[in-house]
Amino acid sequence: MRRRNPAPLSPLPQRDGIDPVRVRLPADPDGEWRTVYDHFLARYGRSIGEERVGALFREGRIVSADGPAGADEPYTPGRYLWFHRDFAAEPHVPFEIGIVYRDERIVVADKPHFLATTPRGRHITETAVARLRRDLALPGLQPAHRLDRLTAGVVLFVVRPELRGAYQTLFRDRRVVKEYEGIAPYDPGVELPRTVRSRIVKERGVLAAREEAGEPNSESRIELVERRGGLGRYRLLPATGRTHQLRVHMNSLGLPLLNDPLYPVVREDSGGGEEWDRPLRLLARALEFTDPVTGKACRFESRLRLDL
């Protein structure tokens, strides 16, 4: 099989912990693009506007390996160009990221509530990976998995990009034991411990996932650890990793996690401002696995706590 040559390294450094956009100019069989500007206008004009595309060239912000690219340069398929997007202002998440463990290969971080793991949608610079790259001076840092933005707790990051695949494979092949903790109502009528299995479907553009009839694609072990008044502390052990799985399964038992803006009912302001003092009461308590590089058994536990 013929292998494509690897892309050249970017001549631009990261900005606020975010990599520049890399563009490889595609083939142009119809001859639509006479210049580099023509292609960028067709590609980005609708999203950022013609004036902004022109400004990127005038300000020398679109660069090749040899320096700034001119708007009138002839279009050459296969050429690599880079530029930094303009990011919209983001609300600062007023919580620090704790470091549980760090060596030359991995960083295990304690992600706070409300902070996304990776850039997505309207959360770009206010993400765990962007902050850690800046704070730890590790521009190559990449997550081995993701944790929901509203969930706090341990997340594994890989320091060296060439090792990322080995750690991602652990999660893909379900060779990581994940332990969560949640605070939810206590109901003596719900028999615990139990294993919940169901089919969970998450549609693109729809905030909440749903359960439907069919072959189960999710499995969670639910245990009651502590009870105080009308609340309980629950140990949650997901065997699979569907979107919002633990939140959906707790809700299906009639035990929705405290301060959940989606279950059992989608709150009207779910896409709006944050209530910093009302975090979702869900914590990724621990990760346990055999290190694929050293062969050593590892267990990392969050230092965060959920008050009952």
C-alpha atoms as a PDB file:
ATOM      1  CA  MET A   1       0.000   0.000   0.000  1.00  0.00           C
ATOM      2  CA  ARG A   2       1.307   3.429  -0.934  1.00  0.00           C
ATOM      3  CA  ARG A   3       1.806   5.637   2.140  1.00  0.00           C
ATOM      4  CA  ARG A   4       1.268   9.384   2.035  1.00  0.00           C
ATOM      5  CA  ASN A   5       4.239  11.453   3.097  1.00  0.00           C
ATOM      6  CA  PRO A   6       3.752  12.919   6.574  1.00  0.00           C
ATOM      7  CA  ALA A   7       2.677  16.545   6.767  1.00  0.00           C
ATOM      8  CA  PRO A   8       5.478  19.014   7.499  1.00  0.00           C
ATOM      9  CA  LEU A   9       5.739  20.598  10.927  1.00  0.00           C
ATOM     10  CA  SER A  10       3.858  23.815  11.438  1.00  0.00           C
ATOM     11  CA  PRO A  11       5.941  27.008  11.224  1.00  0.00           C
ATOM     12  CA  LEU A  12       3.478  28.625  13.644  1.00  0.00           C
ATOM     13  CA  PRO A  13       3.594  27.969  17.405  1.00  0.00           C
ATOM     14  CA  GLN A  14       0.469  27.252  19.410  1.00  0.00           C
ATOM     15  CA  ARG A  15      -1.612  30.203  20.532  1.00  0.00           C
ATOM     16  CA  ASP A  16      -3.265  29.954  23.952  1.00  0.00           C
ATOM     17  CA  GLY A  17      -2.562  26.222  23.878  1.00  0.00           C
ATOM     18  CA  ILE A  18      -4.359  25.729  20.534  1.00  0.00           C
ATOM     19  CA  ASP A  19      -2.674  24.423  17.386  1.00  0.00           C
ATOM     20  CA  PRO A  20      -2.928  26.465  14.176  1.00  0.00           C
ATOM     21  CA  VAL A  21      -5.265  25.262  11.435  1.00  0.00           C
ATOM     22  CA  ARG A  22      -3.407  23.232   8.816  1.00  0.00           C
ATOM     23  CA  VAL A  23      -4.713  23.419   5.235  1.00  0.00           C
ATOM     24  CA  ARG A  24      -3.522  21.099   2.478  1.00  0.00           C
ATOM     25  CA  LEU A  25      -4.662  22.586  -0.811  1.00  0.00           C
ATOM     26  CA  PRO A  26      -6.738  19.920  -2.601  1.00  0.00           C
ATOM     27  CA  ALA A  27      -6.810  19.005  -6.281  1.00  0.00           C
ATOM     28  CA  ASP A  28      -8.776  21.453  -8.444  1.00  0.00           C
ATOM     29  CA  PRO A  29      -9.955  19.476 -11.501  1.00  0.00           C
ATOM     30  CA  ASP A  30     -12.344  22.234 -12.623  1.00  0.00           C
ATOM     31  CA  GLY A  31      -9.792  25.031 -12.314  1.00  0.00           C
ATOM     32  CA  GLU A  32     -12.007  27.063  -9.961  1.00  0.00           C
ATOM     33  CA  TRP A  33      -9.135  28.580  -7.974  1.00  0.00           C
ATOM     34  CA  ARG A  34      -6.604  30.708  -9.813  1.00  0.00           C
ATOM     35  CA  THR A  35      -4.960  31.980  -6.609  1.00  0.00           C
ATOM     36  CA  VAL A  36      -4.558  30.892  -3.004  1.00  0.00           C
ATOM     37  CA  TYR A  37      -7.027  33.627  -2.042  1.00  0.00           C
ATOM     38  CA  ASP A  38      -9.698  32.157  -4.335  1.00  0.00           C
ATOM     39  CA  HIS A  39      -9.548  28.853  -2.474  1.00  0.00           C
ATOM     40  CA  PHE A  40      -9.610  30.408   1.008  1.00  0.00           C
ATOM     41  CA  LEU A  41     -12.562  32.576   0.035  1.00  0.00           C
ATOM     42  CA  ALA A  42     -14.481  29.536  -1.215  1.00  0.00           C
ATOM     43  CA  ARG A  43     -13.524  27.516   1.853  1.00  0.00           C
ATOM     44  CA  TYR A  44     -13.949  30.053   4.650  1.00  0.00           C
ATOM     45  CA  GLY A  45     -15.797  33.021   3.175  1.00  0.00           C
ATOM     46  CA  ARG A  46     -19.224  31.817   4.281  1.00  0.00           C
ATOM     47  CA  SER A  47     -18.154  31.206   7.890  1.00  0.00           C
ATOM     48  CA  ILE A  48     -15.935  34.250   8.568  1.00  0.00           C
ATOM     49  CA  GLY A  49     -16.765  36.620   5.701  1.00  0.00           C
ATOM     50  CA  GLU A  50     -14.891  37.934   2.673  1.00  0.00           C
ATOM     51  CA  GLU A  51     -13.401  40.883   4.555  1.00  0.00           C
ATOM     52  CA  ARG A  52     -11.908  38.633   7.254  1.00  0.00           C
ATOM     53  CA  VAL A  53     -10.388  36.287   4.672  1.00  0.00           C
ATOM     54  CA  GLY A  54      -8.727  39.266   3.000  1.00  0.00           C
ATOM     55  CA  ALA A  55      -7.487  40.570   6.352  1.00  0.00           C
ATOM     56  CA  LEU A  56      -5.800  37.253   7.144  1.00  0.00           C
ATOM     57  CA  PHE A  57      -3.683  37.652   4.008  1.00  0.00           C
ATOM     58  CA  ARG A  58      -3.038  41.385   4.487  1.00  0.00           C
ATOM     59  CA  GLU A  59      -1.867  40.782   8.059  1.00  0.00           C
ATOM     60  CA  GLY A  60       0.442  37.954   6.983  1.00  0.00           C
ATOM     61  CA  ARG A  61      -1.380  35.433   9.153  1.00  0.00           C
ATOM     62  CA  ILE A  62      -1.638  32.707   6.501  1.00  0.00           C
ATOM     63  CA  VAL A  63       1.797  31.177   6.203  1.00  0.00           C
ATOM     64  CA  SER A  64       3.647  28.441   4.348  1.00  0.00           C
ATOM     65  CA  ALA A  65       6.859  26.719   5.382  1.00  0.00           C
ATOM     66  CA  ASP A  66       8.674  29.595   3.625  1.00  0.00           C
ATOM     67  CA  GLY A  67       6.847  32.485   5.291  1.00  0.00           C
ATOM     68  CA  PRO A  68       3.612  34.491   4.790  1.00  0.00           C
ATOM     69  CA  ALA A  69       1.554  33.496   1.741  1.00  0.00           C
ATOM     70  CA  GLY A  70       0.380  36.235  -0.625  1.00  0.00           C
ATOM     71  CA  ALA A  71      -3.257  36.379  -1.674  1.00  0.00           C
ATOM     72  CA  ASP A  72      -2.261  36.557  -5.353  1.00  0.00           C
ATOM     73  CA  GLU A  73       0.071  33.538  -5.282  1.00  0.00           C
ATOM     74  CA  PRO A  74      -0.845  30.874  -7.880  1.00  0.00           C
ATOM     75  CA  TYR A  75      -2.913  27.993  -6.584  1.00  0.00           C
ATOM     76  CA  THR A  76      -0.779  24.840  -6.162  1.00  0.00           C
ATOM     77  CA  PRO A  77      -2.540  21.580  -5.168  1.00  0.00           C
ATOM     78  CA  GLY A  78      -0.828  19.706  -2.345  1.00  0.00           C
ATOM     79  CA  ARG A  79       0.709  22.793  -0.792  1.00  0.00           C
ATOM     80  CA  TYR A  80       0.470  23.163   3.009  1.00  0.00           C
ATOM     81  CA  LEU A  81      -0.585  26.410   4.666  1.00  0.00           C
ATOM     82  CA  TRP A  82      -1.289  27.299   8.298  1.00  0.00           C
ATOM     83  CA  PHE A  83      -3.160  30.031  10.158  1.00  0.00           C
ATOM     84  CA  HIS A  84      -4.695  30.745  13.558  1.00  0.00           C
ATOM     85  CA  ARG A  85      -8.442  31.186  13.830  1.00  0.00           C
ATOM     86  CA  ASP A  86      -9.885  34.134  15.727  1.00  0.00           C
ATOM     87  CA  PHE A  87     -11.556  32.772  18.857  1.00  0.00           C
ATOM     88  CA  ALA A  88     -14.659  34.290  20.374  1.00  0.00           C
ATOM     89  CA  ALA A  89     -14.332  35.447  23.979  1.00  0.00           C
ATOM     90  CA  GLU A  90     -15.085  32.616  26.417  1.00  0.00           C
ATOM     91  CA  PRO A  91     -16.190  32.830  30.062  1.00  0.00           C
ATOM     92  CA  HIS A  92     -13.299  31.877  32.336  1.00  0.00           C
ATOM     93  CA  VAL A  93     -13.997  28.700  34.303  1.00  0.00           C
ATOM     94  CA  PRO A  94     -13.010  29.821  37.822  1.00  0.00           C
ATOM     95  CA  PHE A  95     -11.595  26.490  39.013  1.00  0.00           C
ATOM     96  CA  GLU A  96      -8.044  25.154  38.878  1.00  0.00           C
ATOM     97  CA  ILE A  97      -6.886  21.875  37.346  1.00  0.00           C
ATOM     98  CA  GLY A  98      -5.190  19.607  39.856  1.00  0.00           C
ATOM     99  CA  ILE A  99      -2.288  17.350  38.923  1.00  0.00           C
ATOM    100  CA  VAL A 100      -2.676  13.836  40.343  1.00  0.00           C
ATOM    101  CA  TYR A 101       0.411  12.363  38.662  1.00  0.00           C
ATOM    102  CA  ARG A 102       3.029  13.403  36.137  1.00  0.00           C
ATOM    103  CA  ASP A 103       6.050  11.783  34.502  1.00  0.00           C
ATOM    104  CA  GLU A 104       7.805  11.941  31.121  1.00  0.00           C
ATOM    105  CA  ARG A 105       4.991   9.966  29.421  1.00  0.00           C
ATOM    106  CA  ILE A 106       1.666  10.893  30.998  1.00  0.00           C
ATOM    107  CA  VAL A 107      -0.151  13.527  33.021  1.00  0.00           C
ATOM    108  CA  VAL A 108      -3.160  12.564  35.128  1.00  0.00           C
ATOM    109  CA  ALA A 109      -5.204  15.668  35.841  1.00  0.00           C
ATOM    110  CA  ASP A 110      -8.147  16.449  38.118  1.00  0.00           C
ATOM    111  CA  LYS A 111     -10.482  18.269  35.737  1.00  0.00           C
ATOM    112  CA  PRO A 112     -12.943  20.608  37.449  1.00  0.00           C
ATOM    113  CA  HIS A 113     -16.637  20.825  36.673  1.00  0.00           C
ATOM    114  CA  PHE A 114     -17.605  23.067  33.709  1.00  0.00           C
ATOM    115  CA  LEU A 115     -14.247  22.741  31.922  1.00  0.00           C
ATOM    116  CA  ALA A 116     -14.322  20.844  28.611  1.00  0.00           C
ATOM    117  CA  THR A 117     -11.562  18.289  28.036  1.00  0.00           C
ATOM    118  CA  THR A 118     -10.829  19.245  24.412  1.00  0.00           C
ATOM    119  CA  PRO A 119     -11.742  22.150  22.092  1.00  0.00           C
ATOM    120  CA  ARG A 120     -15.226  21.740  20.707  1.00  0.00           C
ATOM    121  CA  GLY A 121     -18.024  24.088  19.706  1.00  0.00           C
ATOM    122  CA  ARG A 122     -17.850  27.319  21.696  1.00  0.00           C
ATOM    123  CA  HIS A 123     -15.297  25.946  24.187  1.00  0.00           C
ATOM    124  CA  ILE A 124     -11.818  26.354  22.687  1.00  0.00           C
ATOM    125  CA  THR A 125      -9.254  28.056  24.896  1.00  0.00           C
ATOM    126  CA  GLU A 126     -11.179  27.330  28.103  1.00  0.00           C
ATOM    127  CA  THR A 127     -10.456  23.605  27.915  1.00  0.00           C
ATOM    128  CA  ALA A 128      -8.334  21.275  29.994  1.00  0.00           C
ATOM    129  CA  VAL A 129      -5.892  20.421  27.215  1.00  0.00           C
ATOM    130  CA  ALA A 130      -5.310  24.082  26.284  1.00  0.00           C
ATOM    131  CA  ARG A 131      -4.761  25.117  29.902  1.00  0.00           C
ATOM    132  CA  LEU A 132      -2.388  22.242  30.642  1.00  0.00           C
ATOM    133  CA  ARG A 133      -0.338  22.864  27.512  1.00  0.00           C
ATOM    134  CA  ARG A 134       0.164  26.462  28.626  1.00  0.00           C
ATOM    135  CA  ASP A 135       0.622  25.863  32.356  1.00  0.00           C
ATOM    136  CA  LEU A 136       2.938  22.849  32.054  1.00  0.00           C
ATOM    137  CA  ALA A 137       4.768  24.033  28.897  1.00  0.00           C
ATOM    138  CA  LEU A 138       3.838  20.798  27.115  1.00  0.00           C
ATOM    139  CA  PRO A 139       2.688  21.802  23.606  1.00  0.00           C
ATOM    140  CA  GLY A 140       2.425  18.166  22.453  1.00  0.00           C
ATOM    141  CA  LEU A 141       0.052  17.132  25.258  1.00  0.00           C
ATOM    142  CA  GLN A 142      -2.999  15.178  24.055  1.00  0.00           C
ATOM    143  CA  PRO A 143      -5.879  13.493  25.933  1.00  0.00           C
ATOM    144  CA  ALA A 144      -6.138   9.699  25.820  1.00  0.00           C
ATOM    145  CA  HIS A 145      -9.909   9.946  26.407  1.00  0.00           C
ATOM    146  CA  ARG A 146     -12.573  12.534  27.153  1.00  0.00           C
ATOM    147  CA  LEU A 147     -14.644  13.465  30.162  1.00  0.00           C
ATOM    148  CA  ASP A 148     -17.939  15.334  29.815  1.00  0.00           C
ATOM    149  CA  ARG A 149     -17.609  19.075  30.382  1.00  0.00           C
ATOM    150  CA  LEU A 150     -19.979  19.039  33.366  1.00  0.00           C
ATOM    151  CA  THR A 151     -18.262  16.047  35.000  1.00  0.00           C
ATOM    152  CA  ALA A 152     -15.213  16.521  37.235  1.00  0.00           C
ATOM    153  CA  GLY A 153     -12.405  14.101  37.980  1.00  0.00           C
ATOM    154  CA  VAL A 154      -9.407  12.211  36.637  1.00  0.00           C
ATOM    155  CA  VAL A 155      -8.415  12.477  32.966  1.00  0.00           C
ATOM    156  CA  LEU A 156      -5.370  10.846  31.392  1.00  0.00           C
ATOM    157  CA  PHE A 157      -3.191  12.937  29.043  1.00  0.00           C
ATOM    158  CA  VAL A 158      -0.235  11.740  26.986  1.00  0.00           C
ATOM    159  CA  VAL A 159       2.908  13.892  26.868  1.00  0.00           C
ATOM    160  CA  ARG A 160       4.524  12.423  23.747  1.00  0.00           C
ATOM    161  CA  PRO A 161       2.310  12.247  20.648  1.00  0.00           C
ATOM    162  CA  GLU A 162       3.887   9.003  19.435  1.00  0.00           C
ATOM    163  CA  LEU A 163       2.586   7.235  22.571  1.00  0.00           C
ATOM    164  CA  ARG A 164      -0.984   8.508  22.327  1.00  0.00           C
ATOM    165  CA  GLY A 165      -2.219   5.531  20.323  1.00  0.00           C
ATOM    166  CA  ALA A 166      -1.032   3.024  22.937  1.00  0.00           C
ATOM    167  CA  TYR A 167      -2.994   4.740  25.706  1.00  0.00           C
ATOM    168  CA  GLN A 168      -6.064   5.419  23.557  1.00  0.00           C
ATOM    169  CA  THR A 169      -6.175   1.710  22.708  1.00  0.00           C
ATOM    170  CA  LEU A 170      -6.598   0.922  26.416  1.00  0.00           C
ATOM    171  CA  PHE A 171      -9.866   2.856  26.435  1.00  0.00           C
ATOM    172  CA  ARG A 172     -11.006   1.581  23.044  1.00  0.00           C
ATOM    173  CA  ASP A 173     -10.497  -2.031  24.105  1.00  0.00           C
ATOM    174  CA  ARG A 174     -12.113  -1.481  27.530  1.00  0.00           C
ATOM    175  CA  ARG A 175      -8.942  -2.322  29.425  1.00  0.00           C
ATOM    176  CA  VAL A 176      -9.396   0.612  31.797  1.00  0.00           C
ATOM    177  CA  VAL A 177     -11.475   0.264  34.950  1.00  0.00           C
ATOM    178  CA  LYS A 178     -13.359   3.527  35.452  1.00  0.00           C
ATOM    179  CA  GLU A 179     -14.889   4.342  38.817  1.00  0.00           C
ATOM    180  CA  TYR A 180     -17.281   7.259  39.285  1.00  0.00           C
ATOM    181  CA  GLU A 181     -19.141   8.735  42.241  1.00  0.00           C
ATOM    182  CA  GLY A 182     -22.491  10.478  42.132  1.00  0.00           C
ATOM    183  CA  ILE A 183     -24.876  12.217  44.508  1.00  0.00           C
ATOM    184  CA  ALA A 184     -28.568  11.582  43.858  1.00  0.00           C
ATOM    185  CA  PRO A 185     -31.848  11.096  45.713  1.00  0.00           C
ATOM    186  CA  TYR A 186     -32.204   8.023  47.930  1.00  0.00           C
ATOM    187  CA  ASP A 187     -35.156   5.741  47.259  1.00  0.00           C
ATOM    188  CA  PRO A 188     -35.600   2.634  49.460  1.00  0.00           C
ATOM    189  CA  GLY A 189     -37.744   1.127  46.709  1.00  0.00           C
ATOM    190  CA  VAL A 190     -34.781   0.896  44.333  1.00  0.00           C
ATOM    191  CA  GLU A 191     -32.894  -2.331  44.961  1.00  0.00           C
ATOM    192  CA  LEU A 192     -29.133  -1.883  44.890  1.00  0.00           C
ATOM    193  CA  PRO A 193     -26.547  -2.924  43.938  1.00  0.00           C
ATOM    194  CA  ARG A 194     -27.617  -3.723  40.399  1.00  0.00           C
ATOM    195  CA  THR A 195     -26.328  -3.742  36.843  1.00  0.00           C
ATOM    196  CA  VAL A 196     -28.232  -1.616  34.344  1.00  0.00           C
ATOM    197  CA  ARG A 197     -28.135  -2.506  30.652  1.00  0.00           C
ATOM    198  CA  SER A 198     -29.954  -0.566  27.930  1.00  0.00           C
ATOM    199  CA  ARG A 199     -29.701   0.827  24.431  1.00  0.00           C
ATOM    200  CA  ILE A 200     -28.688   4.501  24.514  1.00  0.00           C
ATOM    201  CA  VAL A 201     -29.006   6.740  21.454  1.00  0.00           C
ATOM    202  CA  LYS A 202     -27.527  10.254  21.209  1.00  0.00           C
ATOM    203  CA  GLU A 203     -28.546  12.268  18.145  1.00  0.00           C
ATOM    204  CA  ARG A 204     -26.334  15.034  16.808  1.00  0.00           C
ATOM    205  CA  GLY A 205     -27.743  18.438  17.735  1.00  0.00           C
ATOM    206  CA  VAL A 206     -29.962  17.039  20.514  1.00  0.00           C
ATOM    207  CA  LEU A 207     -28.739  17.841  24.024  1.00  0.00           C
ATOM    208  CA  ALA A 208     -30.042  14.774  25.839  1.00  0.00           C
ATOM    209  CA  ALA A 209     -29.502  11.117  24.997  1.00  0.00           C
ATOM    210  CA  ARG A 210     -32.401   8.658  25.195  1.00  0.00           C
ATOM    211  CA  GLU A 211     -33.016   4.971  25.804  1.00  0.00           C
ATOM    212  CA  GLU A 212     -34.881   2.926  23.249  1.00  0.00           C
ATOM    213  CA  ALA A 213     -35.860  -0.696  22.645  1.00  0.00           C
ATOM    214  CA  GLY A 214     -33.229  -2.921  21.078  1.00  0.00           C
ATOM    215  CA  GLU A 215     -29.954  -4.683  21.755  1.00  0.00           C
ATOM    216  CA  PRO A 216     -28.253  -3.068  24.788  1.00  0.00           C
ATOM    217  CA  ASN A 217     -25.123  -1.065  23.962  1.00  0.00           C
ATOM    218  CA  SER A 218     -24.413   0.213  27.485  1.00  0.00           C
ATOM    219  CA  GLU A 219     -23.814  -1.331  30.894  1.00  0.00           C
ATOM    220  CA  SER A 220     -23.318   0.244  34.333  1.00  0.00           C
ATOM    221  CA  ARG A 221     -22.966  -1.167  37.843  1.00  0.00           C
ATOM    222  CA  ILE A 222     -24.752   0.986  40.442  1.00  0.00           C
ATOM    223  CA  GLU A 223     -23.978   0.671  44.183  1.00  0.00           C
ATOM    224  CA  LEU A 224     -25.192   2.681  47.186  1.00  0.00           C
ATOM    225  CA  VAL A 225     -22.207   3.716  49.319  1.00  0.00           C
ATOM    226  CA  GLU A 226     -23.751   6.076  51.858  1.00  0.00           C
ATOM    227  CA  ARG A 227     -27.154   7.465  52.754  1.00  0.00           C
ATOM    228  CA  ARG A 228     -27.910  10.697  54.553  1.00  0.00           C
ATOM    229  CA  GLY A 229     -31.495  11.864  54.788  1.00  0.00           C
ATOM    230  CA  GLY A 230     -33.050  11.929  51.349  1.00  0.00           C
ATOM    231  CA  LEU A 231     -29.725  11.737  49.509  1.00  0.00           C
ATOM    232  CA  GLY A 232     -27.351   8.936  48.647  1.00  0.00           C
ATOM    233  CA  ARG A 233     -23.739   8.642  47.560  1.00  0.00           C
ATOM    234  CA  TYR A 234     -23.414   6.135  44.731  1.00  0.00           C
ATOM    235  CA  ARG A 235     -20.488   4.196  43.303  1.00  0.00           C
ATOM    236  CA  LEU A 236     -20.859   3.965  39.535  1.00  0.00           C
ATOM    237  CA  LEU A 237     -18.888   1.506  37.417  1.00  0.00           C
ATOM    238  CA  PRO A 238     -19.462   1.835  33.654  1.00  0.00           C
ATOM    239  CA  ALA A 239     -18.466  -1.175  31.571  1.00  0.00           C
ATOM    240  CA  THR A 240     -19.100   0.792  28.366  1.00  0.00           C
ATOM    241  CA  GLY A 241     -18.707   4.458  27.446  1.00  0.00           C
ATOM    242  CA  ARG A 242     -21.848   5.781  25.768  1.00  0.00           C
ATOM    243  CA  THR A 243     -22.497   9.541  25.859  1.00  0.00           C
ATOM    244  CA  HIS A 244     -24.116  10.543  29.200  1.00  0.00           C
ATOM    245  CA  GLN A 245     -24.369   6.839  30.093  1.00  0.00           C
ATOM    246  CA  LEU A 246     -24.257   7.165  33.884  1.00  0.00           C
ATOM    247  CA  ARG A 247     -26.592  10.144  33.874  1.00  0.00           C
ATOM    248  CA  VAL A 248     -29.087   8.254  31.698  1.00  0.00           C
ATOM    249  CA  HIS A 249     -28.924   5.075  33.789  1.00  0.00           C
ATOM    250  CA  MET A 250     -29.319   6.883  37.105  1.00  0.00           C
ATOM    251  CA  ASN A 251     -32.278   8.783  35.686  1.00  0.00           C
ATOM    252  CA  SER A 252     -33.859   5.543  34.430  1.00  0.00           C
ATOM    253  CA  LEU A 253     -33.771   4.230  38.014  1.00  0.00           C
ATOM    254  CA  GLY A 254     -35.609   7.337  39.187  1.00  0.00           C
ATOM    255  CA  LEU A 255     -32.403   8.624  40.812  1.00  0.00           C
ATOM    256  CA  PRO A 256     -31.302  11.576  38.640  1.00  0.00           C
ATOM    257  CA  LEU A 257     -27.961  13.068  39.639  1.00  0.00           C
ATOM    258  CA  LEU A 258     -28.229  16.338  41.534  1.00  0.00           C
ATOM    259  CA  ASN A 259     -28.025  19.529  39.459  1.00  0.00           C
ATOM    260  CA  ASP A 260     -28.266  17.662  36.152  1.00  0.00           C
ATOM    261  CA  PRO A 261     -29.512  20.195  33.563  1.00  0.00           C
ATOM    262  CA  LEU A 262     -30.623  17.490  31.092  1.00  0.00           C
ATOM    263  CA  TYR A 263     -32.117  14.602  33.056  1.00  0.00           C
ATOM    264  CA  PRO A 264     -34.930  14.028  33.757  1.00  0.00           C
ATOM    265  CA  VAL A 265     -35.924  17.278  31.987  1.00  0.00           C
ATOM    266  CA  VAL A 266     -33.832  19.509  29.724  1.00  0.00           C
ATOM    267  CA  ARG A 267     -33.540  22.826  31.506  1.00  0.00           C
ATOM    268  CA  GLU A 268     -34.400  25.826  29.322  1.00  0.00           C
ATOM    269  CA  ASP A 269     -31.092  27.569  30.071  1.00  0.00           C
ATOM    270  CA  SER A 270     -28.932  24.453  29.465  1.00  0.00           C
ATOM    271  CA  GLY A 271     -27.035  26.213  26.695  1.00  0.00           C
ATOM    272  CA  GLY A 272     -26.699  29.510  28.498  1.00  0.00           C
ATOM    273  CA  GLY A 273     -24.683  30.845  31.403  1.00  0.00           C
ATOM    274  CA  GLU A 274     -23.133  28.650  34.059  1.00  0.00           C
ATOM    275  CA  GLU A 275     -24.183  28.295  37.681  1.00  0.00           C
ATOM    276  CA  TRP A 276     -20.748  27.829  39.195  1.00  0.00           C
ATOM    277  CA  ASP A 277     -22.189  26.992  42.614  1.00  0.00           C
ATOM    278  CA  ARG A 278     -24.469  24.234  41.245  1.00  0.00           C
ATOM    279  CA  PRO A 279     -22.181  21.700  39.525  1.00  0.00           C
ATOM    280  CA  LEU A 280     -23.431  18.355  38.317  1.00  0.00           C
ATOM    281  CA  ARG A 281     -22.788  15.994  41.222  1.00  0.00           C
ATOM    282  CA  LEU A 282     -20.784  13.480  39.212  1.00  0.00           C
ATOM    283  CA  LEU A 283     -17.088  12.761  39.733  1.00  0.00           C
ATOM    284  CA  ALA A 284     -14.688  10.484  37.853  1.00  0.00           C
ATOM    285  CA  ARG A 285     -13.192   9.001  41.006  1.00  0.00           C
ATOM    286  CA  ALA A 286     -10.508   6.656  39.652  1.00  0.00           C
ATOM    287  CA  LEU A 287      -8.789   5.126  36.613  1.00  0.00           C
ATOM    288  CA  GLU A 288      -7.096   1.721  36.833  1.00  0.00           C
ATOM    289  CA  PHE A 289      -5.105   0.024  34.063  1.00  0.00           C
ATOM    290  CA  THR A 290      -1.862  -1.679  33.115  1.00  0.00           C
ATOM    291  CA  ASP A 291       0.525   0.831  31.604  1.00  0.00           C
ATOM    292  CA  PRO A 292       1.102  -0.178  27.948  1.00  0.00           C
ATOM    293  CA  VAL A 293       4.685   1.111  28.009  1.00  0.00           C
ATOM    294  CA  THR A 294       6.004  -0.053  31.381  1.00  0.00           C
ATOM    295  CA  GLY A 295       3.644  -2.984  32.041  1.00  0.00           C
ATOM    296  CA  LYS A 296       3.063  -1.596  35.539  1.00  0.00           C
ATOM    297  CA  ALA A 297      -0.350  -1.784  37.220  1.00  0.00           C
ATOM    298  CA  CYS A 298      -1.597   1.774  37.831  1.00  0.00           C
ATOM    299  CA  ARG A 299      -4.443   3.285  39.810  1.00  0.00           C
ATOM    300  CA  PHE A 300      -5.019   7.019  39.946  1.00  0.00           C
ATOM    301  CA  GLU A 301      -7.615   8.587  42.266  1.00  0.00           C
ATOM    302  CA  SER A 302      -9.147  12.042  42.211  1.00  0.00           C
ATOM    303  CA  ARG A 303      -8.424  14.386  45.099  1.00  0.00           C
ATOM    304  CA  LEU A 304     -11.756  16.152  44.589  1.00  0.00           C
ATOM    305  CA  ARG A 305     -14.712  15.391  46.835  1.00  0.00           C
ATOM    306  CA  LEU A 306     -18.483  15.531  46.467  1.00  0.00           C
ATOM    307  CA  ASP A 307     -20.157  16.719  49.658  1.00  0.00           C
ATOM    308  CA  LEU A 308     -23.266  14.772  50.550  1.00  0.00           C
END
